[in-house]
Amino acid sequence: MHYDYLVVGAGLYGAVFAHEAKKKGKTCLVIEKRNHIAGNIYCENVEGINVHVYGAHIFHTSDKFIWDYINEFAEFNNYINSPIAKYKNELYNLPFNMNTFSKMWGISTPQEAKDIIAAQIADLNITEPKNLEEQALSLVGKDVYEKLIKGYTEKQWGRDCKELPSFIIKRLPLRFVYDNNYFNDRYQGIPIGGYTKIVEKMLEGIEVRLDTDYLANREEFDSMADKIVYTGMIDQFYDYKLGVLEYRSVRFETETLATDNYQGNAVVNYTEREVPYTRIIEHKHFEFGKQPVTVISREYSSEWHKGDEPYYPINNERNNELYQRYRELADKEKRVIFGGRLGGYKYYDMDKVIKAALEMCSEELV
């Protein structure tokens, strides 16, 4: 069979495109090299708990159109993301807010917190931050930086904060209110039943082939469709001929525990460098689970090498310039459309993925 579109990747971007193309009467074949759909938002049911296999995903947006769109495919609960940070034996609320400052300094008013932070910043005499450490210190002061930023950031990036460029932290929001809601967005929640069901509904009536590697049989697949929507790594598409784009990767250790409640919160960050993992996710709390057991995942940030799962693009000057060179090649393609996190070498929140896919659909599916 010949198709209008071959969609490479059954993640959120590819699924939105295939769904919209089908509505327009187009035929699509979706191929996915993994053994499941839904990309990194894939959820697996373990003991009645929807486990976020590739890390925690909380849907949030201020775009009502996108919120209404995603709600066509799932009912969302009212989960509010309120992570906890653990430093040694101390627990702090995130994002940095009055609950954080009250615990750290034993104060109660916004002015007290502002005065302490301002005094710490003034004592440092940093006028032009030369690295991430100096940038962070100049924004939040010594205490918040050393307890809640330094170790966590060094684990995330695998480098000392003095070795990281200052632009990585352009701002660190400080909230002088007692509010633990991590996101400022108007709409927020977790799909009841997990994210996989959303992609299943998007792909209803569309042919999907799993365990299928486009790049291993490119000529054969190219001959099967008029156009290709490619959501894989853009540098790999071109066989890395201009160079390799860099990522950070993540490794997960997931286990089922014979307790109904391990840590009392969905997300606990471990901010000291000596703890090897960055955070522990307790999945049942995303959907307010009452199961007699629980499932936790420890996350370990790691260097990315070819063959590893790419998670976070390292959007420094070198990589951004290299991506632009690949983008110039991509713009000359007549039959290939690049999209998604890997095709665009950009970290996207889920609402931004959907918006980008729909914008591409409005241009392409006329």
Protein backbone atom coordinates (compact mmCIF):
# COMPACT_ATOMS: atom_id res chain seq x y z
CA MET A 1 0.00 0.00 0.00
CA HIS A 2 1.15 3.55 -0.72
CA TYR A 3 0.50 6.22 1.93
CA ASP A 4 0.21 9.98 1.89
CA TYR A 5 2.46 10.21 4.94
CA LEU A 6 5.00 8.03 6.69
CA VAL A 7 5.26 9.18 10.31
CA VAL A 8 8.54 8.15 11.94
CA GLY A 9 7.97 8.00 15.68
CA ALA A 10 4.80 7.24 17.64
CA GLY A 11 5.36 9.88 20.29
CA LEU A 12 3.12 12.85 20.96
CA TYR A 13 4.21 14.93 17.94
CA GLY A 14 3.83 12.07 15.47
CA ALA A 15 0.52 10.97 16.99
CA VAL A 16 -0.99 14.46 16.77
CA PHE A 17 0.06 14.76 13.14
CA ALA A 18 -1.28 11.32 12.20
CA HIS A 19 -4.58 12.04 13.98
CA GLU A 20 -5.05 15.36 12.20
CA ALA A 21 -4.01 13.89 8.84
CA LYS A 22 -6.61 11.13 9.19
CA LYS A 23 -9.28 13.75 9.93
CA LYS A 24 -8.33 15.40 6.62
CA GLY A 25 -8.76 12.11 4.76
CA LYS A 26 -5.03 11.39 4.42
CA THR A 27 -3.54 7.93 4.82
CA CYS A 28 -0.69 7.44 7.30
CA LEU A 29 1.65 4.69 8.31
CA VAL A 30 3.24 5.27 11.73
CA ILE A 31 6.43 3.38 12.49
CA GLU A 32 8.18 3.24 15.85
CA LYS A 33 11.53 1.62 16.68
CA ARG A 34 10.52 0.97 20.29
CA ASN A 35 8.11 -1.83 21.22
CA HIS A 36 5.42 0.63 22.35
CA ILE A 37 3.67 3.83 21.31
CA ALA A 38 3.63 7.18 23.17
CA GLY A 39 7.36 7.91 23.19
CA ASN A 40 8.66 9.26 26.49
CA ILE A 41 5.17 9.79 27.92
CA TYR A 42 4.56 6.02 27.81
CA CYS A 43 3.00 4.63 31.00
CA GLU A 44 3.06 1.01 32.11
CA ASN A 45 0.53 -0.40 34.56
CA VAL A 46 2.20 -2.10 37.53
CA GLU A 47 0.03 -3.33 40.41
CA GLY A 48 -2.71 -0.93 39.27
CA ILE A 49 -0.28 2.03 39.28
CA ASN A 50 0.48 3.95 36.08
CA VAL A 51 4.27 4.10 36.03
CA HIS A 52 5.86 6.94 34.03
CA VAL A 53 8.53 4.72 32.45
CA TYR A 54 10.66 7.56 31.08
CA GLY A 55 10.30 9.94 34.00
CA ALA A 56 7.61 12.13 35.50
CA HIS A 57 5.34 14.00 33.11
CA ILE A 58 2.87 16.56 34.45
CA PHE A 59 0.69 18.23 31.85
CA HIS A 60 0.46 21.99 32.30
CA THR A 61 -0.44 24.87 30.00
CA SER A 62 -1.89 28.35 29.95
CA ASP A 63 -3.21 27.83 26.43
CA LYS A 64 -6.93 27.05 26.68
CA PHE A 65 -7.06 25.80 23.10
CA ILE A 66 -4.35 23.20 23.82
CA TRP A 67 -6.00 22.26 27.12
CA ASP A 68 -9.34 21.70 25.39
CA TYR A 69 -7.59 19.74 22.63
CA ILE A 70 -5.82 17.28 24.95
CA ASN A 71 -9.02 16.85 26.97
CA GLU A 72 -10.65 15.35 23.88
CA PHE A 73 -8.51 12.27 24.49
CA ALA A 74 -8.55 11.94 28.28
CA GLU A 75 -10.10 13.15 31.48
CA PHE A 76 -7.56 14.89 33.70
CA ASN A 77 -7.41 14.89 37.48
CA ASN A 78 -6.54 17.93 39.59
CA TYR A 79 -2.95 16.96 40.48
CA ILE A 80 -0.79 19.96 41.41
CA ASN A 81 2.96 19.54 41.08
CA SER A 82 4.54 20.40 44.45
CA PRO A 83 7.96 18.76 44.64
CA ILE A 84 10.06 18.43 47.78
CA ALA A 85 13.82 18.95 47.96
CA LYS A 86 15.87 16.88 50.40
CA TYR A 87 19.27 18.17 51.49
CA LYS A 88 20.93 15.86 54.02
CA ASN A 89 18.14 15.47 56.60
CA GLU A 90 16.39 18.73 55.76
CA LEU A 91 13.23 18.93 53.64
CA TYR A 92 12.30 22.03 51.63
CA ASN A 93 9.37 22.99 49.44
CA LEU A 94 9.88 23.81 45.77
CA PRO A 95 9.74 26.12 43.93
CA PHE A 96 11.64 28.57 46.15
CA ASN A 97 8.88 30.24 48.14
CA MET A 98 8.06 31.43 51.64
CA ASN A 99 7.71 27.86 52.90
CA THR A 100 11.29 27.25 51.69
CA PHE A 101 12.66 30.43 53.26
CA SER A 102 10.76 29.95 56.53
CA LYS A 103 12.25 26.46 56.94
CA MET A 104 15.76 27.61 55.96
CA TRP A 105 16.02 30.73 58.14
CA GLY A 106 13.25 30.49 60.72
CA ILE A 107 11.57 33.66 59.42
CA SER A 108 7.92 34.36 58.57
CA THR A 109 7.59 37.49 56.44
CA PRO A 110 8.50 38.21 52.82
CA GLN A 111 10.57 41.24 53.81
CA GLU A 112 12.75 39.16 56.13
CA ALA A 113 13.43 36.72 53.31
CA LYS A 114 14.18 39.50 50.82
CA ASP A 115 16.56 41.16 53.28
CA ILE A 116 18.53 37.95 53.90
CA ILE A 117 18.84 37.19 50.17
CA ALA A 118 19.82 40.78 49.33
CA ALA A 119 22.47 40.81 52.07
CA GLN A 120 23.97 37.52 50.87
CA ILE A 121 24.08 38.74 47.27
CA ALA A 122 25.69 42.05 48.32
CA ASP A 123 28.41 40.25 50.29
CA LEU A 124 29.47 38.29 47.19
CA ASN A 125 30.31 41.36 45.06
CA ILE A 126 29.60 39.53 41.79
CA THR A 127 29.16 42.09 39.02
CA GLU A 128 29.61 39.99 35.88
CA PRO A 129 28.94 36.26 36.49
CA LYS A 130 31.57 34.15 34.73
CA ASN A 131 29.94 30.75 35.25
CA LEU A 132 26.76 29.08 36.46
CA GLU A 133 27.84 29.18 40.10
CA GLU A 134 28.37 32.94 40.07
CA GLN A 135 25.14 33.47 38.11
CA ALA A 136 23.09 31.48 40.61
CA LEU A 137 24.75 33.09 43.63
CA SER A 138 24.06 36.55 42.21
CA LEU A 139 20.36 35.66 41.91
CA VAL A 140 19.54 33.75 45.11
CA GLY A 141 22.45 34.10 47.52
CA LYS A 142 24.63 31.53 49.27
CA ASP A 143 22.20 29.43 51.34
CA VAL A 144 19.64 28.62 48.64
CA TYR A 145 22.42 27.97 46.12
CA GLU A 146 24.48 25.63 48.29
CA LYS A 147 21.58 23.61 49.67
CA LEU A 148 19.13 23.46 46.77
CA ILE A 149 20.94 24.23 43.50
CA LYS A 150 24.63 23.32 43.51
CA GLY A 151 24.58 19.54 44.05
CA TYR A 152 21.46 18.92 42.01
CA THR A 153 22.75 20.94 39.05
CA GLU A 154 26.15 19.23 39.12
CA LYS A 155 24.46 15.83 39.02
CA GLN A 156 22.17 16.94 36.20
CA TRP A 157 25.03 18.19 34.03
CA GLY A 158 27.83 15.92 35.24
CA ARG A 159 30.09 18.92 35.79
CA ASP A 160 31.10 21.34 38.52
CA CYS A 161 28.96 24.48 38.50
CA LYS A 162 32.11 26.56 38.00
CA GLU A 163 32.64 24.73 34.69
CA LEU A 164 29.13 25.40 33.39
CA PRO A 165 28.25 28.55 31.43
CA SER A 166 26.24 31.22 33.21
CA PHE A 167 23.51 31.36 30.54
CA ILE A 168 22.15 27.96 31.63
CA ILE A 169 20.51 29.75 34.56
CA LYS A 170 19.05 32.94 33.14
CA ARG A 171 16.74 33.38 36.09
CA LEU A 172 15.77 31.58 39.28
CA PRO A 173 12.25 32.54 40.29
CA LEU A 174 11.83 33.45 43.95
CA ARG A 175 8.26 33.56 45.21
CA PHE A 176 7.61 35.56 48.32
CA VAL A 177 4.28 33.84 48.97
CA TYR A 178 3.37 30.56 50.68
CA ASP A 179 2.62 28.65 47.48
CA ASN A 180 4.12 25.26 46.57
CA ASN A 181 2.51 25.01 43.11
CA TYR A 182 5.52 24.49 40.85
CA PHE A 183 3.88 25.75 37.68
CA ASN A 184 2.28 29.11 37.06
CA ASP A 185 0.04 27.74 34.30
CA ARG A 186 -3.75 28.03 34.47
CA TYR A 187 -4.36 24.36 33.59
CA GLN A 188 -2.61 21.39 35.16
CA GLY A 189 -3.20 17.71 35.82
CA ILE A 190 -2.49 14.07 35.05
CA PRO A 191 -4.63 12.05 32.61
CA ILE A 192 -6.69 9.52 34.54
CA GLY A 193 -5.47 6.13 33.38
CA GLY A 194 -2.10 7.39 32.15
CA TYR A 195 -0.67 9.02 29.05
CA THR A 196 -0.52 5.94 26.83
CA LYS A 197 -4.30 5.96 26.45
CA ILE A 198 -4.12 9.49 24.98
CA VAL A 199 -1.83 8.35 22.18
CA GLU A 200 -3.88 5.17 21.67
CA LYS A 201 -6.96 7.33 21.02
CA MET A 202 -5.03 9.65 18.70
CA LEU A 203 -3.88 6.67 16.64
CA GLU A 204 -7.23 4.86 16.45
CA GLY A 205 -7.83 3.60 12.91
CA ILE A 206 -4.23 4.35 11.84
CA GLU A 207 -1.75 1.63 10.91
CA VAL A 208 1.12 1.44 13.43
CA ARG A 209 4.19 -0.79 13.22
CA LEU A 210 6.32 -1.21 16.34
CA ASP A 211 9.90 -2.51 16.56
CA THR A 212 10.48 -0.88 13.18
CA ASP A 213 13.63 1.15 12.51
CA TYR A 214 13.21 3.68 9.71
CA LEU A 215 16.93 4.36 9.31
CA ALA A 216 17.72 0.65 8.90
CA ASN A 217 15.40 0.42 5.85
CA ARG A 218 15.18 4.00 4.67
CA GLU A 219 14.89 3.40 0.94
CA GLU A 220 12.08 0.88 1.37
CA PHE A 221 10.08 3.18 3.67
CA ASP A 222 10.72 6.27 1.55
CA SER A 223 9.12 4.50 -1.39
CA MET A 224 5.94 3.80 0.62
CA ALA A 225 4.74 7.39 1.08
CA ASP A 226 4.59 10.75 -0.63
CA LYS A 227 6.03 12.55 2.42
CA ILE A 228 7.83 11.67 5.64
CA VAL A 229 7.26 13.25 9.07
CA TYR A 230 10.48 12.51 10.95
CA THR A 231 10.60 12.90 14.74
CA GLY A 232 13.93 11.21 15.39
CA MET A 233 17.35 12.80 15.91
CA ILE A 234 18.08 15.24 13.10
CA ASP A 235 21.83 14.58 13.12
CA GLN A 236 21.27 10.82 12.95
CA PHE A 237 19.00 11.33 9.93
CA TYR A 238 22.03 12.80 8.17
CA ASP A 239 24.33 10.08 9.52
CA TYR A 240 26.05 12.67 11.77
CA LYS A 241 27.92 14.01 8.75
CA LEU A 242 28.28 17.51 10.20
CA GLY A 243 29.01 16.30 13.73
CA VAL A 244 27.16 14.85 16.71
CA LEU A 245 24.65 16.91 18.71
CA GLU A 246 25.01 16.43 22.46
CA TYR A 247 22.38 15.38 24.99
CA ARG A 248 22.08 14.44 28.62
CA SER A 249 20.56 11.05 29.23
CA VAL A 250 18.72 9.57 32.21
CA ARG A 251 18.84 6.11 33.73
CA PHE A 252 15.99 4.80 35.90
CA GLU A 253 15.95 2.22 38.66
CA THR A 254 12.34 1.23 39.26
CA GLU A 255 11.11 -1.11 41.97
CA THR A 256 7.87 -2.19 43.58
CA LEU A 257 7.82 -1.89 47.37
CA ALA A 258 5.57 -3.63 49.88
CA THR A 259 4.33 -0.41 51.44
CA ASP A 260 1.38 1.78 50.61
CA ASN A 261 3.33 5.06 50.84
CA TYR A 262 7.12 5.38 50.52
CA GLN A 263 7.85 9.11 50.57
CA GLY A 264 4.51 10.92 50.86
CA ASN A 265 4.97 12.90 47.64
CA ALA A 266 5.19 12.19 43.92
CA VAL A 267 8.53 13.96 43.46
CA VAL A 268 11.41 14.31 45.93
CA ASN A 269 14.64 15.91 44.65
CA TYR A 270 17.92 14.96 46.31
CA THR A 271 20.04 18.08 46.12
CA GLU A 272 23.34 17.02 47.68
CA ARG A 273 26.04 15.84 45.29
CA GLU A 274 26.88 12.78 47.40
CA VAL A 275 23.50 11.14 46.69
CA PRO A 276 23.99 9.62 43.20
CA TYR A 277 20.41 10.01 41.96
CA THR A 278 18.72 13.34 41.30
CA ARG A 279 15.25 12.45 42.46
CA ILE A 280 12.81 9.70 43.42
CA ILE A 281 9.41 9.50 41.79
CA GLU A 282 6.59 7.71 43.59
CA HIS A 283 4.16 7.15 40.75
CA LYS A 284 0.93 6.39 42.61
CA HIS A 285 0.73 9.93 44.01
CA PHE A 286 0.19 11.37 40.51
CA GLU A 287 -3.26 9.77 40.56
CA PHE A 288 -3.86 9.74 44.32
CA GLY A 289 -3.54 5.94 44.40
CA LYS A 290 -4.71 3.81 47.31
CA GLN A 291 -2.98 0.57 46.32
CA PRO A 292 -1.44 -1.56 49.11
CA VAL A 293 1.96 -1.42 47.35
CA THR A 294 3.91 1.37 45.68
CA VAL A 295 6.31 1.82 42.75
CA ILE A 296 9.29 4.17 42.91
CA SER A 297 11.86 5.23 40.32
CA ARG A 298 15.29 6.63 41.10
CA GLU A 299 16.62 8.92 38.36
CA TYR A 300 20.30 9.09 37.50
CA SER A 301 21.49 11.77 35.11
CA SER A 302 24.25 10.60 32.75
CA GLU A 303 26.40 11.53 29.80
CA TRP A 304 24.83 10.60 26.48
CA HIS A 305 26.63 8.37 23.99
CA LYS A 306 25.44 7.06 20.63
CA GLY A 307 22.91 4.32 21.28
CA ASP A 308 21.73 5.81 24.60
CA GLU A 309 18.30 7.36 24.95
CA PRO A 310 18.63 11.11 24.30
CA TYR A 311 16.66 13.21 26.79
CA TYR A 312 17.81 16.79 27.19
CA PRO A 313 19.47 18.72 24.35
CA ILE A 314 22.54 20.60 25.52
CA ASN A 315 21.65 23.93 23.92
CA ASN A 316 25.01 25.62 24.32
CA GLU A 317 26.63 27.75 21.64
CA ARG A 318 28.47 24.89 19.95
CA ASN A 319 25.40 22.64 19.70
CA ASN A 320 23.03 25.41 18.63
CA GLU A 321 25.38 26.38 15.80
CA LEU A 322 25.65 22.75 14.71
CA TYR A 323 21.88 22.33 14.83
CA GLN A 324 21.45 25.38 12.60
CA ARG A 325 23.69 23.76 10.02
CA TYR A 326 21.54 20.62 10.11
CA ARG A 327 18.44 22.82 9.96
CA GLU A 328 19.71 24.35 6.74
CA LEU A 329 19.94 20.86 5.25
CA ALA A 330 16.47 20.00 6.54
CA ASP A 331 14.94 23.13 5.02
CA LYS A 332 16.05 21.95 1.58
CA GLU A 333 14.22 18.64 1.88
CA LYS A 334 11.22 18.41 -0.42
CA ARG A 335 9.61 15.32 1.11
CA VAL A 336 10.72 15.31 4.73
CA ILE A 337 9.23 17.32 7.62
CA PHE A 338 11.24 17.38 10.86
CA GLY A 339 9.48 17.85 14.18
CA GLY A 340 9.36 17.11 17.87
CA ARG A 341 12.02 17.26 20.55
CA LEU A 342 14.67 15.32 18.62
CA GLY A 343 13.84 16.61 15.15
CA GLY A 344 14.01 20.19 16.42
CA TYR A 345 16.82 19.67 18.97
CA LYS A 346 14.78 21.48 21.59
CA TYR A 347 13.30 20.56 24.94
CA TYR A 348 9.52 20.87 24.70
CA ASP A 349 6.88 20.72 27.38
CA MET A 350 3.98 18.56 26.24
CA ASP A 351 1.67 21.47 25.46
CA LYS A 352 4.37 23.02 23.27
CA VAL A 353 4.81 19.72 21.40
CA ILE A 354 1.09 19.63 20.64
CA LYS A 355 1.05 23.27 19.60
CA ALA A 356 4.06 22.82 17.29
CA ALA A 357 2.47 19.72 15.72
CA LEU A 358 -0.84 21.49 15.16
CA GLU A 359 0.89 24.51 13.64
CA MET A 360 2.72 22.22 11.24
CA CYS A 361 -0.57 20.48 10.43
CA SER A 362 -2.23 23.80 9.58
CA GLU A 363 0.58 24.52 7.09
CA GLU A 364 0.84 21.02 5.65
CA LEU A 365 -2.71 19.61 5.66
CA VAL A 366 -4.46 22.10 3.41
